[in-house]
Protein backbone atom coordinates (compact mmCIF):
# COMPACT_ATOMS: atom_id res chain seq x y z
CA MET A 1 -33.25 -84.05 45.43
CA PRO A 2 -33.67 -81.71 42.47
CA ILE A 3 -36.36 -79.07 42.88
CA ARG A 4 -38.14 -78.21 39.64
CA ASP A 5 -39.67 -74.98 40.96
CA GLY A 6 -37.15 -72.12 40.65
CA LYS A 7 -38.75 -70.02 43.40
CA ALA A 8 -38.85 -72.98 45.83
CA ASN A 9 -35.19 -73.68 45.04
CA ALA A 10 -34.25 -70.03 45.67
CA LEU A 11 -36.25 -70.09 48.91
CA LEU A 12 -34.41 -73.21 50.10
CA LYS A 13 -31.07 -71.49 49.43
CA THR A 14 -32.29 -68.46 51.41
CA ILE A 15 -33.36 -70.67 54.32
CA ASP A 16 -29.99 -72.47 54.28
CA ARG A 17 -28.11 -69.16 54.21
CA GLU A 18 -30.14 -67.36 56.89
CA PHE A 19 -31.11 -70.16 59.29
CA GLY A 20 -29.09 -73.27 58.42
CA THR A 21 -30.62 -76.19 60.30
CA LEU A 22 -32.16 -74.04 63.05
CA ALA A 23 -35.91 -73.73 63.47
CA PHE A 24 -37.42 -70.46 62.23
CA ALA A 25 -40.78 -68.73 62.12
CA ARG A 26 -42.43 -68.25 58.74
CA LYS A 27 -42.69 -64.50 59.34
CA TRP A 28 -38.89 -64.30 59.62
CA LEU A 29 -38.65 -65.16 55.91
CA GLU A 30 -40.55 -62.04 54.81
CA PRO A 31 -37.58 -59.60 54.90
CA HIS A 32 -35.39 -62.07 52.99
CA PHE A 33 -37.93 -63.61 50.62
CA PRO A 34 -41.27 -61.78 50.22
CA ARG A 35 -44.24 -63.84 48.98
CA HIS A 36 -42.77 -67.14 50.09
CA ILE A 37 -45.92 -69.07 51.15
CA VAL A 38 -46.32 -71.24 48.01
CA GLY A 39 -42.61 -72.06 47.83
CA LEU A 40 -42.50 -72.93 51.51
CA LYS A 41 -45.49 -75.26 51.11
CA LYS A 42 -43.71 -77.03 48.23
CA LEU A 43 -40.57 -77.46 50.34
CA CYS A 44 -42.66 -78.89 53.19
CA ASP A 45 -44.50 -81.22 50.78
CA LEU A 46 -41.13 -82.48 49.49
CA ASP A 47 -40.07 -82.98 53.13
CA LEU A 48 -37.07 -80.69 52.64
CA VAL A 49 -38.33 -78.33 55.34
CA LYS A 50 -40.09 -79.65 58.45
CA ALA A 51 -43.20 -77.80 59.61
CA TYR A 52 -43.83 -77.56 63.35
CA PRO A 53 -47.04 -76.31 64.95
CA PRO A 54 -46.89 -73.08 66.96
CA LEU A 55 -46.28 -73.34 70.68
CA CYS A 56 -49.49 -73.38 72.69
CA ASP A 57 -50.14 -74.01 76.32
CA ILE A 58 -53.48 -72.85 77.70
CA THR A 59 -56.08 -71.21 75.46
CA GLY A 60 -55.94 -67.44 75.84
CA CYS A 61 -52.56 -67.46 77.61
CA TYR A 62 -49.17 -66.41 76.32
CA THR A 63 -46.45 -68.96 75.61
CA ALA A 64 -42.77 -68.08 75.34
CA GLN A 65 -39.64 -69.93 74.34
CA TYR A 66 -36.27 -68.66 75.48
CA GLU A 67 -32.78 -69.47 74.32
CA HIS A 68 -31.15 -69.00 77.74
CA THR A 69 -31.66 -70.18 81.28
CA ILE A 70 -32.04 -67.20 83.56
CA LEU A 71 -31.45 -67.39 87.30
CA LEU A 72 -33.56 -64.83 89.17
CA ARG A 73 -32.02 -63.83 92.47
CA PRO A 74 -33.37 -61.33 95.00
CA THR A 75 -30.78 -58.70 94.01
CA CYS A 76 -29.91 -59.57 90.40
CA LYS A 77 -30.69 -61.63 87.32
CA GLU A 78 -28.03 -63.90 85.84
CA VAL A 79 -27.93 -65.61 82.44
CA ILE A 80 -26.32 -68.96 83.27
CA THR A 81 -26.31 -70.45 79.75
CA ARG A 82 -24.44 -67.60 78.08
CA GLY A 83 -21.53 -68.85 76.01
CA GLU A 84 -18.87 -67.30 73.81
CA ASP A 85 -21.27 -67.13 70.85
CA PHE A 86 -23.93 -65.01 72.62
């Protein structure tokens, strides 16, 4: 789909280059593409980028998402999902 907005098009290229198809946080775009809010909204409106709500669990509590499974043992901690690419 052609994008008529030059800044939105440049932002999409930046997202493809930096994140590919992986999920990313909006704040991670700032170092690569400052002042990206309007362009990102246009990409979401065109359904080229999917917006997901932030993780939330219980009001006032912290929520975390990890990329590895960690096995906690009495004497050590072991990352059991570590592969060749990590």
